[in-house]
Amino acid sequence: MKTDLVQRYETLRARLQGLMLQPDRDMAAVDSLIAELARVQIEIKAELGVRGNNPNE
């Protein structure tokens, strides 16, 4: 698997965690990061040959 995808994922997760710790959350930024995390997860799964959300596929 490409380590740049994993690094990108970890960076996005850290940014999301930081946003969620804020007392006054920027929900638009949270939503944007969650959408980007989903895209990266799909890319990681594609690298692993996994399609869909069913682990039994």
Protein backbone atom coordinates (compact mmCIF):
# COMPACT_ATOMS: atom_id res chain seq x y z
CA MET A 1 0.00 0.00 0.00
CA LYS A 2 1.14 3.52 -0.65
CA THR A 3 2.47 5.06 2.52
CA ASP A 4 1.46 8.53 1.29
CA LEU A 5 -2.20 7.47 1.55
CA VAL A 6 -1.69 6.29 5.11
CA GLN A 7 0.14 9.49 6.01
CA ARG A 8 -2.60 11.56 4.41
CA TYR A 9 -5.23 9.60 6.35
CA GLU A 10 -3.36 10.05 9.64
CA THR A 11 -2.91 13.77 9.00
CA LEU A 12 -6.62 14.20 8.29
CA ARG A 13 -7.53 12.21 11.42
CA ALA A 14 -5.26 14.40 13.54
CA ARG A 15 -6.79 17.55 12.08
CA LEU A 16 -10.30 16.19 12.72
CA GLN A 17 -9.38 15.31 16.29
CA GLY A 18 -8.06 18.83 16.80
CA LEU A 19 -11.24 20.37 15.46
CA MET A 20 -13.40 18.15 17.65
CA LEU A 21 -11.51 19.28 20.76
CA GLN A 22 -12.44 22.91 20.13
CA PRO A 23 -15.25 24.22 22.36
CA ASP A 24 -16.78 26.09 19.42
CA ARG A 25 -16.51 23.60 16.55
CA ASP A 26 -16.40 24.67 12.92
CA MET A 27 -18.87 22.07 11.67
CA ALA A 28 -18.33 22.97 8.02
CA ALA A 29 -14.63 22.17 8.44
CA VAL A 30 -15.51 18.96 10.31
CA ASP A 31 -17.85 17.87 7.51
CA SER A 32 -15.21 18.67 4.90
CA LEU A 33 -12.56 16.63 6.73
CA ILE A 34 -14.94 13.70 7.15
CA ALA A 35 -15.70 13.74 3.42
CA GLU A 36 -11.98 13.83 2.61
CA LEU A 37 -11.33 10.97 5.05
CA ALA A 38 -13.98 8.92 3.27
CA ARG A 39 -12.29 9.55 -0.10
CA VAL A 40 -8.91 8.52 1.30
CA GLN A 41 -10.41 5.39 2.87
CA ILE A 42 -11.83 4.41 -0.52
CA GLU A 43 -8.40 4.91 -2.10
CA ILE A 44 -6.76 2.78 0.60
CA LYS A 45 -9.35 0.04 0.16
CA ALA A 46 -8.85 0.11 -3.61
CA GLU A 47 -5.10 -0.35 -3.07
CA LEU A 48 -5.93 -3.42 -0.98
CA GLY A 49 -8.38 -4.75 -3.58
CA VAL A 50 -11.42 -4.23 -1.37
CA ARG A 51 -14.64 -2.88 -2.84
CA GLY A 52 -17.75 -1.86 -0.96
CA ASN A 53 -18.38 -1.82 2.78
CA ASN A 54 -19.10 -5.49 3.32
CA PRO A 55 -16.03 -7.16 4.80
CA ASN A 56 -17.34 -10.53 3.60
CA GLU A 57 -17.21 -9.57 -0.08
